[in-house]
C-alpha cells in the first residue's frame, strides 16, 4: 500500500503526531515517578500539549446563509395576515360609505 498525494501527507502527519503523543506520555510518566510533586509533572505535560496546539479551542467558523432564501418565507408569513387585514378594512370602509 503506497501513500500518494495529500492523503499520504496526512497519514505521515498523523503518524508523527502519534509519536509525539507517545513520547510525551513517556516523559510525563518519568517526571511523575522522579518528582516529589506530581502536579508539576502534570503541569509540564499541559504546557507541552498547549505548545503542540492540543487543547486549543478551534476558531468558530462563519456560517454562510443566503439571506434571500431565509427571509423570503418569513416575509410571506408576515405579509399574508396584513393583506387579510387590509381587505377587511377596505370592505368595512366600502360598506360604511
PDB file of N, CA and C in Angstrom:
ATOM      1  N   UNK A   1       0.848  -1.171   0.000  1.00  0.00           N
ATOM      2  CA  UNK A   1       0.000   0.000   0.000  1.00  0.00           C
ATOM      3  C   UNK A   1       0.894   1.234   0.000  1.00  0.00           C
ATOM      4  N   UNK A   2       0.756   2.072  -0.993  1.00  0.00           N
ATOM      5  CA  UNK A   2       1.600   3.249  -1.094  1.00  0.00           C
ATOM      6  C   UNK A   2       0.810   4.496  -0.717  1.00  0.00           C
ATOM      7  N   UNK A   3       1.537   5.497  -0.250  1.00  0.00           N
ATOM      8  CA  UNK A   3       0.904   6.752   0.131  1.00  0.00           C
ATOM      9  C   UNK A   3       1.116   7.752  -0.999  1.00  0.00           C
ATOM     10  N   UNK A   4       0.021   8.261  -1.549  1.00  0.00           N
ATOM     11  CA  UNK A   4       0.101   9.225  -2.642  1.00  0.00           C
ATOM     12  C   UNK A   4      -0.608  10.508  -2.280  1.00  0.00           C
ATOM     13  N   UNK A   5      -0.071  11.619  -2.734  1.00  0.00           N
ATOM     14  CA  UNK A   5      -0.739  12.911  -2.643  1.00  0.00           C
ATOM     15  C   UNK A   5      -1.017  13.373  -1.228  1.00  0.00           C
ATOM     16  N   UNK A   6      -2.120  14.094  -1.116  1.00  0.00           N
ATOM     17  CA  UNK A   6      -2.494  14.710   0.161  1.00  0.00           C
ATOM     18  C   UNK A   6      -2.780  13.667   1.231  1.00  0.00           C
ATOM     19  N   UNK A   7      -3.398  12.549   0.839  1.00  0.00           N
ATOM     20  CA  UNK A   7      -3.726  11.509   1.816  1.00  0.00           C
ATOM     21  C   UNK A   7      -2.453  10.953   2.453  1.00  0.00           C
ATOM     22  N   UNK A   8      -1.425  10.766   1.650  1.00  0.00           N
ATOM     23  CA  UNK A   8      -0.158  10.274   2.184  1.00  0.00           C
ATOM     24  C   UNK A   8       0.472  11.256   3.150  1.00  0.00           C
ATOM     25  N   UNK A   9       0.383  12.538   2.821  1.00  0.00           N
ATOM     26  CA  UNK A   9       0.907  13.571   3.705  1.00  0.00           C
ATOM     27  C   UNK A   9       0.160  13.618   5.021  1.00  0.00           C
ATOM     28  N   UNK A  10      -1.154  13.451   4.938  1.00  0.00           N
ATOM     29  CA  UNK A  10      -1.960  13.455   6.152  1.00  0.00           C
ATOM     30  C   UNK A  10      -1.620  12.263   7.031  1.00  0.00           C
ATOM     31  N   UNK A  11      -1.427  11.106   6.418  1.00  0.00           N
ATOM     32  CA  UNK A  11      -1.080   9.910   7.192  1.00  0.00           C
ATOM     33  C   UNK A  11       0.271  10.072   7.872  1.00  0.00           C
ATOM     34  N   UNK A  12       1.225  10.670   7.162  1.00  0.00           N
ATOM     35  CA  UNK A  12       2.538  10.898   7.765  1.00  0.00           C
ATOM     36  C   UNK A  12       2.414  11.877   8.937  1.00  0.00           C
ATOM     37  N   UNK A  13       1.603  12.907   8.771  1.00  0.00           N
ATOM     38  CA  UNK A  13       1.406  13.875   9.847  1.00  0.00           C
ATOM     39  C   UNK A  13       0.760  13.218  11.057  1.00  0.00           C
ATOM     40  N   UNK A  14      -0.245  12.396  10.819  1.00  0.00           N
ATOM     41  CA  UNK A  14      -0.923  11.695  11.916  1.00  0.00           C
ATOM     42  C   UNK A  14       0.056  10.768  12.630  1.00  0.00           C
ATOM     43  N   UNK A  15       0.875  10.052  11.871  1.00  0.00           N
ATOM     44  CA  UNK A  15       1.861   9.155  12.469  1.00  0.00           C
ATOM     45  C   UNK A  15       2.858   9.944  13.318  1.00  0.00           C
ATOM     46  N   UNK A  16       3.274  11.098  12.829  1.00  0.00           N
ATOM     47  CA  UNK A  16       4.219  11.934  13.566  1.00  0.00           C
ATOM     48  C   UNK A  16       3.589  12.429  14.867  1.00  0.00           C
ATOM     49  N   UNK A  17       2.340  12.868  14.806  1.00  0.00           N
ATOM     50  CA  UNK A  17       1.647  13.357  15.994  1.00  0.00           C
ATOM     51  C   UNK A  17       1.482  12.222  17.006  1.00  0.00           C
ATOM     52  N   UNK A  18       1.167  11.037  16.538  1.00  0.00           N
ATOM     53  CA  UNK A  18       1.047   9.879  17.441  1.00  0.00           C
ATOM     54  C   UNK A  18       2.361   9.592  18.139  1.00  0.00           C
ATOM     55  N   UNK A  19       3.466   9.704  17.415  1.00  0.00           N
ATOM     56  CA  UNK A  19       4.779   9.500  18.020  1.00  0.00           C
ATOM     57  C   UNK A  19       5.051  10.572  19.080  1.00  0.00           C
ATOM     58  N   UNK A  20       4.681  11.820  18.784  1.00  0.00           N
ATOM     59  CA  UNK A  20       4.874  12.895  19.760  1.00  0.00           C
ATOM     60  C   UNK A  20       4.065  12.649  21.020  1.00  0.00           C
ATOM     61  N   UNK A  21       2.829  12.209  20.848  1.00  0.00           N
ATOM     62  CA  UNK A  21       1.967  11.951  22.000  1.00  0.00           C
ATOM     63  C   UNK A  21       2.526  10.811  22.843  1.00  0.00           C
ATOM     64  N   UNK A  22       2.981   9.752  22.188  1.00  0.00           N
ATOM     65  CA  UNK A  22       3.558   8.617  22.921  1.00  0.00           C
ATOM     66  C   UNK A  22       4.804   9.052  23.690  1.00  0.00           C
ATOM     67  N   UNK A  23       5.639   9.857  23.053  1.00  0.00           N
ATOM     68  CA  UNK A  23       6.857  10.335  23.708  1.00  0.00           C
ATOM     69  C   UNK A  23       6.504  11.249  24.889  1.00  0.00           C
ATOM     70  N   UNK A  24       5.484  12.090  24.699  1.00  0.00           N
ATOM     71  CA  UNK A  24       5.055  12.989  25.778  1.00  0.00           C
ATOM     72  C   UNK A  24       4.549  12.178  26.968  1.00  0.00           C
ATOM     73  N   UNK A  25       3.781  11.142  26.718  1.00  0.00           N
ATOM     74  CA  UNK A  25       3.267  10.304  27.800  1.00  0.00           C
ATOM     75  C   UNK A  25       4.418   9.629  28.542  1.00  0.00           C
ATOM     76  N   UNK A  26       5.415   9.211  27.802  1.00  0.00           N
ATOM     77  CA  UNK A  26       6.592   8.580  28.404  1.00  0.00           C
ATOM     78  C   UNK A  26       7.337   9.574  29.305  1.00  0.00           C
ATOM     79  N   UNK A  27       7.512  10.804  28.825  1.00  0.00           N
ATOM     80  CA  UNK A  27       8.203  11.821  29.615  1.00  0.00           C
ATOM     81  C   UNK A  27       7.425  12.181  30.879  1.00  0.00           C
ATOM     82  N   UNK A  28       6.116  12.300  30.755  1.00  0.00           N
ATOM     83  CA  UNK A  28       5.305  12.626  31.927  1.00  0.00           C
ATOM     84  C   UNK A  28       5.397  11.512  32.953  1.00  0.00           C
ATOM     85  N   UNK A  29       5.372  10.287  32.486  1.00  0.00           N
ATOM     86  CA  UNK A  29       5.482   9.154  33.386  1.00  0.00           C
ATOM     87  C   UNK A  29       6.809   9.190  34.145  1.00  0.00           C
ATOM     88  N   UNK A  30       7.889   9.473  33.437  1.00  0.00           N
ATOM     89  CA  UNK A  30       9.205   9.551  34.087  1.00  0.00           C
ATOM     90  C   UNK A  30       9.258  10.700  35.089  1.00  0.00           C
ATOM     91  N   UNK A  31       8.750  11.854  34.685  1.00  0.00           N
ATOM     92  CA  UNK A  31       8.757  13.011  35.586  1.00  0.00           C
ATOM     93  C   UNK A  31       7.895  12.745  36.812  1.00  0.00           C
ATOM     94  N   UNK A  32       6.783  12.090  36.596  1.00  0.00           N
ATOM     95  CA  UNK A  32       5.852  11.800  37.687  1.00  0.00           C
ATOM     96  C   UNK A  32       6.516  10.899  38.726  1.00  0.00           C
ATOM     97  N   UNK A  33       7.275   9.919  38.273  1.00  0.00           N
ATOM     98  CA  UNK A  33       7.932   8.988  39.197  1.00  0.00           C
ATOM     99  C   UNK A  33       9.106   9.633  39.916  1.00  0.00           C
ATOM    100  N   UNK A  34       9.803  10.562  39.256  1.00  0.00           N
ATOM    101  CA  UNK A  34      11.015  11.136  39.835  1.00  0.00           C
ATOM    102  C   UNK A  34      10.749  12.317  40.747  1.00  0.00           C
ATOM    103  N   UNK A  35       9.654  13.001  40.580  1.00  0.00           N
ATOM    104  CA  UNK A  35       9.436  14.235  41.328  1.00  0.00           C
ATOM    105  C   UNK A  35       8.637  13.989  42.605  1.00  0.00           C
ATOM    106  N   UNK A  36       8.926  14.837  43.566  1.00  0.00           N
ATOM    107  CA  UNK A  36       8.148  14.802  44.796  1.00  0.00           C
ATOM    108  C   UNK A  36       6.764  15.408  44.566  1.00  0.00           C
ATOM    109  N   UNK A  37       6.676  16.301  43.573  1.00  0.00           N
ATOM    110  CA  UNK A  37       5.417  16.996  43.302  1.00  0.00           C
ATOM    111  C   UNK A  37       4.856  16.528  41.953  1.00  0.00           C
ATOM    112  N   UNK A  38       3.928  15.566  41.973  1.00  0.00           N
ATOM    113  CA  UNK A  38       3.361  15.069  40.713  1.00  0.00           C
ATOM    114  C   UNK A  38       2.594  16.146  39.945  1.00  0.00           C
ATOM    115  N   UNK A  39       2.101  17.146  40.649  1.00  0.00           N
ATOM    116  CA  UNK A  39       1.361  18.217  39.973  1.00  0.00           C
ATOM    117  C   UNK A  39       2.269  18.977  39.016  1.00  0.00           C
ATOM    118  N   UNK A  40       3.542  19.102  39.358  1.00  0.00           N
ATOM    119  CA  UNK A  40       4.488  19.787  38.474  1.00  0.00           C
ATOM    120  C   UNK A  40       4.673  19.004  37.174  1.00  0.00           C
ATOM    121  N   UNK A  41       4.692  17.679  37.260  1.00  0.00           N
ATOM    122  CA  UNK A  41       4.826  16.860  36.063  1.00  0.00           C
ATOM    123  C   UNK A  41       3.596  17.008  35.174  1.00  0.00           C
ATOM    124  N   UNK A  42       2.423  17.030  35.793  1.00  0.00           N
ATOM    125  CA  UNK A  42       1.197  17.187  35.013  1.00  0.00           C
ATOM    126  C   UNK A  42       1.110  18.580  34.401  1.00  0.00           C
ATOM    127  N   UNK A  43       1.587  19.586  35.121  1.00  0.00           N
ATOM    128  CA  UNK A  43       1.599  20.950  34.582  1.00  0.00           C
ATOM    129  C   UNK A  43       2.544  21.039  33.394  1.00  0.00           C
ATOM    130  N   UNK A  44       3.696  20.376  33.485  1.00  0.00           N
ATOM    131  CA  UNK A  44       4.637  20.359  32.360  1.00  0.00           C
ATOM    132  C   UNK A  44       4.014  19.690  31.143  1.00  0.00           C
ATOM    133  N   UNK A  45       3.251  18.635  31.374  1.00  0.00           N
ATOM    134  CA  UNK A  45       2.573  17.960  30.262  1.00  0.00           C
ATOM    135  C   UNK A  45       1.521  18.873  29.641  1.00  0.00           C
ATOM    136  N   UNK A  46       0.813  19.609  30.496  1.00  0.00           N
ATOM    137  CA  UNK A  46      -0.209  20.527  29.984  1.00  0.00           C
ATOM    138  C   UNK A  46       0.425  21.616  29.125  1.00  0.00           C
ATOM    139  N   UNK A  47       1.520  22.180  29.588  1.00  0.00           N
ATOM    140  CA  UNK A  47       2.201  23.224  28.823  1.00  0.00           C
ATOM    141  C   UNK A  47       2.749  22.684  27.506  1.00  0.00           C
ATOM    142  N   UNK A  48       3.276  21.479  27.534  1.00  0.00           N
ATOM    143  CA  UNK A  48       3.788  20.865  26.311  1.00  0.00           C
ATOM    144  C   UNK A  48       2.661  20.616  25.319  1.00  0.00           C
ATOM    145  N   UNK A  49       1.530  20.153  25.826  1.00  0.00           N
ATOM    146  CA  UNK A  49       0.387  19.900  24.952  1.00  0.00           C
ATOM    147  C   UNK A  49      -0.113  21.188  24.321  1.00  0.00           C
ATOM    148  N   UNK A  50      -0.155  22.251  25.097  1.00  0.00           N
ATOM    149  CA  UNK A  50      -0.581  23.536  24.529  1.00  0.00           C
ATOM    150  C   UNK A  50       0.399  24.025  23.487  1.00  0.00           C
ATOM    151  N   UNK A  51       1.689  23.774  23.715  1.00  0.00           N
ATOM    152  CA  UNK A  51       2.694  24.179  22.734  1.00  0.00           C
ATOM    153  C   UNK A  51       2.483  23.442  21.416  1.00  0.00           C
ATOM    154  N   UNK A  52       1.963  22.224  21.488  1.00  0.00           N
ATOM    155  CA  UNK A  52       1.681  21.456  20.275  1.00  0.00           C
ATOM    156  C   UNK A  52       0.280  21.739  19.737  1.00  0.00           C
ATOM    157  N   UNK A  53      -0.411  22.689  20.334  1.00  0.00           N
ATOM    158  CA  UNK A  53      -1.754  23.127  19.926  1.00  0.00           C
ATOM    159  C   UNK A  53      -2.843  22.148  20.298  1.00  0.00           C
ATOM    160  N   UNK A  54      -2.599  21.270  21.248  1.00  0.00           N
ATOM    161  CA  UNK A  54      -3.671  20.425  21.749  1.00  0.00           C
ATOM    162  C   UNK A  54      -4.349  21.201  22.856  1.00  0.00           C
ATOM    163  N   UNK A  55      -5.648  21.082  22.939  1.00  0.00           N
ATOM    164  CA  UNK A  55      -6.373  21.803  23.961  1.00  0.00           C
ATOM    165  C   UNK A  55      -6.709  23.222  23.570  1.00  0.00           C
ATOM    166  N   UNK A  56      -6.342  23.616  22.371  1.00  0.00           N
ATOM    167  CA  UNK A  56      -6.681  24.950  21.891  1.00  0.00           C
ATOM    168  C   UNK A  56      -8.094  24.914  21.334  1.00  0.00           C
ATOM    169  N   UNK A  57      -8.877  25.881  21.680  1.00  0.00           N
ATOM    170  CA  UNK A  57     -10.232  25.924  21.165  1.00  0.00           C
ATOM    171  C   UNK A  57     -10.200  26.289  19.688  1.00  0.00           C
ATOM    172  N   UNK A  58     -10.951  25.553  18.887  1.00  0.00           N
ATOM    173  CA  UNK A  58     -10.961  25.879  17.454  1.00  0.00           C
ATOM    174  C   UNK A  58     -11.661  27.214  17.213  1.00  0.00           C
ATOM    175  N   UNK A  59     -11.223  27.898  16.177  1.00  0.00           N
ATOM    176  CA  UNK A  59     -11.853  29.154  15.782  1.00  0.00           C
ATOM    177  C   UNK A  59     -13.271  28.864  15.310  1.00  0.00           C
ATOM    178  N   UNK A  60     -14.236  29.646  15.737  1.00  0.00           N
ATOM    179  CA  UNK A  60     -15.595  29.422  15.234  1.00  0.00           C
ATOM    180  C   UNK A  60     -15.662  29.728  13.746  1.00  0.00           C
ATOM    181  N   UNK A  61     -16.277  28.853  13.016  1.00  0.00           N
ATOM    182  CA  UNK A  61     -16.363  29.053  11.573  1.00  0.00           C
ATOM    183  C   UNK A  61     -17.612  29.860  11.250  1.00  0.00           C
ATOM    184  N   UNK A  62     -17.480  30.708  10.264  1.00  0.00           N
ATOM    185  CA  UNK A  62     -18.609  31.542   9.852  1.00  0.00           C
ATOM    186  C   UNK A  62     -19.574  30.696   9.026  1.00  0.00           C
ATOM    187  N   UNK A  63     -20.837  30.780   9.365  1.00  0.00           N
ATOM    188  CA  UNK A  63     -21.859  30.049   8.638  1.00  0.00           C
ATOM    189  C   UNK A  63     -22.408  30.975   7.567  1.00  0.00           C
ATOM    190  N   UNK A  64     -22.372  30.509   6.329  1.00  0.00           N
ATOM    191  CA  UNK A  64     -22.881  31.320   5.237  1.00  0.00           C
ATOM    192  C   UNK A  64     -24.341  30.984   5.009  1.00  0.00           C
ATOM    193  N   UNK A  65     -25.167  32.019   5.018  1.00  0.00           N
ATOM    194  CA  UNK A  65     -26.601  31.853   4.839  1.00  0.00           C
ATOM    195  C   UNK A  65     -27.038  32.749   3.699  1.00  0.00           C
ATOM    196  N   UNK A  66     -27.815  32.202   2.784  1.00  0.00           N
ATOM    197  CA  UNK A  66     -28.388  33.007   1.725  1.00  0.00           C
ATOM    198  C   UNK A  66     -29.583  33.741   2.320  1.00  0.00           C
ATOM    199  N   UNK A  67     -29.432  35.043   2.497  1.00  0.00           N
ATOM    200  CA  UNK A  67     -30.450  35.844   3.175  1.00  0.00           C
ATOM    201  C   UNK A  67     -31.782  35.793   2.435  1.00  0.00           C
ATOM    202  N   UNK A  68     -31.743  35.807   1.112  1.00  0.00           N
ATOM    203  CA  UNK A  68     -32.992  35.801   0.348  1.00  0.00           C
ATOM    204  C   UNK A  68     -33.788  34.525   0.591  1.00  0.00           C
ATOM    205  N   UNK A  69     -33.107  33.404   0.649  1.00  0.00           N
ATOM    206  CA  UNK A  69     -33.801  32.137   0.889  1.00  0.00           C
ATOM    207  C   UNK A  69     -34.345  32.072   2.322  1.00  0.00           C
ATOM    208  N   UNK A  70     -33.646  32.676   3.223  1.00  0.00           N
ATOM    209  CA  UNK A  70     -34.047  32.618   4.631  1.00  0.00           C
ATOM    210  C   UNK A  70     -35.174  33.601   4.946  1.00  0.00           C
ATOM    211  N   UNK A  71     -35.056  34.838   4.449  1.00  0.00           N
ATOM    212  CA  UNK A  71     -36.026  35.863   4.799  1.00  0.00           C
ATOM    213  C   UNK A  71     -37.279  35.835   3.929  1.00  0.00           C
ATOM    214  N   UNK A  72     -37.185  35.276   2.721  1.00  0.00           N
ATOM    215  CA  UNK A  72     -38.346  35.233   1.830  1.00  0.00           C
ATOM    216  C   UNK A  72     -39.555  34.557   2.457  1.00  0.00           C
ATOM    217  N   UNK A  73     -39.422  33.316   2.917  1.00  0.00           N
ATOM    218  CA  UNK A  73     -40.569  32.655   3.547  1.00  0.00           C
ATOM    219  C   UNK A  73     -41.052  33.367   4.808  1.00  0.00           C
ATOM    220  N   UNK A  74     -40.150  33.947   5.557  1.00  0.00           N
ATOM    221  CA  UNK A  74     -40.558  34.681   6.754  1.00  0.00           C
ATOM    222  C   UNK A  74     -41.372  35.918   6.379  1.00  0.00           C
ATOM    223  N   UNK A  75     -40.966  36.580   5.309  1.00  0.00           N
ATOM    224  CA  UNK A  75     -41.701  37.751   4.847  1.00  0.00           C
ATOM    225  C   UNK A  75     -43.110  37.391   4.414  1.00  0.00           C
ATOM    226  N   UNK A  76     -43.230  36.245   3.733  1.00  0.00           N
ATOM    227  CA  UNK A  76     -44.565  35.804   3.301  1.00  0.00           C
ATOM    228  C   UNK A  76     -45.463  35.529   4.504  1.00  0.00           C
ATOM    229  N   UNK A  77     -44.896  34.968   5.551  1.00  0.00           N
ATOM    230  CA  UNK A  77     -45.673  34.687   6.758  1.00  0.00           C
ATOM    231  C   UNK A  77     -46.222  35.988   7.350  1.00  0.00           C
ATOM    232  N   UNK A  78     -45.446  37.070   7.268  1.00  0.00           N
ATOM    233  CA  UNK A  78     -45.891  38.350   7.815  1.00  0.00           C
ATOM    234  C   UNK A  78     -46.851  39.091   6.882  1.00  0.00           C
ATOM    235  N   UNK A  79     -46.649  38.969   5.579  1.00  0.00           N
ATOM    236  CA  UNK A  79     -47.440  39.737   4.615  1.00  0.00           C
ATOM    237  C   UNK A  79     -48.862  39.199   4.496  1.00  0.00           C
ATOM    238  N   UNK A  80     -49.049  37.905   4.489  1.00  0.00           N
ATOM    239  CA  UNK A  80     -50.385  37.321   4.289  1.00  0.00           C
ATOM    240  C   UNK A  80     -51.414  37.810   5.318  1.00  0.00           C
ATOM    241  N   UNK A  81     -51.118  37.814   6.614  1.00  0.00           N
ATOM    242  CA  UNK A  81     -52.111  38.335   7.575  1.00  0.00           C
ATOM    243  C   UNK A  81     -52.401  39.823   7.356  1.00  0.00           C
ATOM    244  N   UNK A  82     -51.365  40.580   6.986  1.00  0.00           N
ATOM    245  CA  UNK A  82     -51.583  42.012   6.749  1.00  0.00           C
ATOM    246  C   UNK A  82     -52.475  42.248   5.534  1.00  0.00           C
ATOM    247  N   UNK A  83     -52.308  41.420   4.500  1.00  0.00           N
ATOM    248  CA  UNK A  83     -53.174  41.543   3.321  1.00  0.00           C
ATOM    249  C   UNK A  83     -54.622  41.242   3.691  1.00  0.00           C
ATOM    250  N   UNK A  84     -54.822  40.273   4.568  1.00  0.00           N
ATOM    251  CA  UNK A  84     -56.175  39.951   5.034  1.00  0.00           C
ATOM    252  C   UNK A  84     -56.782  41.103   5.813  1.00  0.00           C
ATOM    253  N   UNK A  85     -55.982  41.725   6.683  1.00  0.00           N
ATOM    254  CA  UNK A  85     -56.464  42.871   7.464  1.00  0.00           C
ATOM    255  C   UNK A  85     -56.796  44.047   6.544  1.00  0.00           C
ATOM    256  N   UNK A  86     -55.964  44.240   5.520  1.00  0.00           N
ATOM    257  CA  UNK A  86     -56.196  45.327   4.567  1.00  0.00           C
ATOM    258  C   UNK A  86     -57.520  45.101   3.839  1.00  0.00           C
ATOM    259  N   UNK A  87     -57.762  43.854   3.402  1.00  0.00           N
ATOM    260  CA  UNK A  87     -59.009  43.533   2.698  1.00  0.00           C
ATOM    261  C   UNK A  87     -60.209  43.777   3.608  1.00  0.00           C
ATOM    262  N   UNK A  88     -60.085  43.406   4.884  1.00  0.00           N
ATOM    263  CA  UNK A  88     -61.170  43.649   5.833  1.00  0.00           C
ATOM    264  C   UNK A  88     -61.432  45.142   6.002  1.00  0.00           C
ATOM    265  N   UNK A  89     -60.385  45.933   6.088  1.00  0.00           N
ATOM    266  CA  UNK A  89     -60.532  47.374   6.266  1.00  0.00           C
ATOM    267  C   UNK A  89     -61.199  47.993   5.043  1.00  0.00           C
ATOM    268  N   UNK A  90     -60.848  47.522   3.843  1.00  0.00           N
ATOM    269  CA  UNK A  90     -61.459  48.041   2.614  1.00  0.00           C
ATOM    270  C   UNK A  90     -62.937  47.677   2.570  1.00  0.00           C
ATOM    271  N   UNK A  91     -63.285  46.452   2.964  1.00  0.00           N
ATOM    272  CA  UNK A  91     -64.685  46.034   2.984  1.00  0.00           C
ATOM    273  C   UNK A  91     -65.492  46.870   3.971  1.00  0.00           C
ATOM    274  N   UNK A  92     -64.923  47.124   5.126  1.00  0.00           N
ATOM    275  CA  UNK A  92     -65.624  47.918   6.144  1.00  0.00           C
ATOM    276  C   UNK A  92     -65.808  49.350   5.633  1.00  0.00           C
ATOM    277  N   UNK A  93     -64.763  49.892   5.028  1.00  0.00           N
ATOM    278  CA  UNK A  93     -64.847  51.259   4.514  1.00  0.00           C
ATOM    279  C   UNK A  93     -65.859  51.374   3.396  1.00  0.00           C
ATOM    280  N   UNK A  94     -65.902  50.383   2.515  1.00  0.00           N
ATOM    281  CA  UNK A  94     -66.856  50.439   1.392  1.00  0.00           C
ATOM    282  C   UNK A  94     -68.285  50.193   1.887  1.00  0.00           C
ATOM    283  N   UNK A  95     -68.473  49.428   2.952  1.00  0.00           N
ATOM    284  CA  UNK A  95     -69.808  49.161   3.496  1.00  0.00           C
ATOM    285  C   UNK A  95     -70.375  50.394   4.186  1.00  0.00           C
ATOM    286  N   UNK A  96     -69.517  51.171   4.805  1.00  0.00           N
ATOM    287  CA  UNK A  96     -69.991  52.368   5.516  1.00  0.00           C
ATOM    288  C   UNK A  96     -70.128  53.574   4.588  1.00  0.00           C
ATOM    289  N   UNK A  97     -69.584  53.481   3.411  1.00  0.00           N
ATOM    290  CA  UNK A  97     -69.639  54.631   2.501  1.00  0.00           C
ATOM    291  C   UNK A  97     -70.922  54.719   1.738  1.00  0.00           C
TER     292      UNK A  97
END
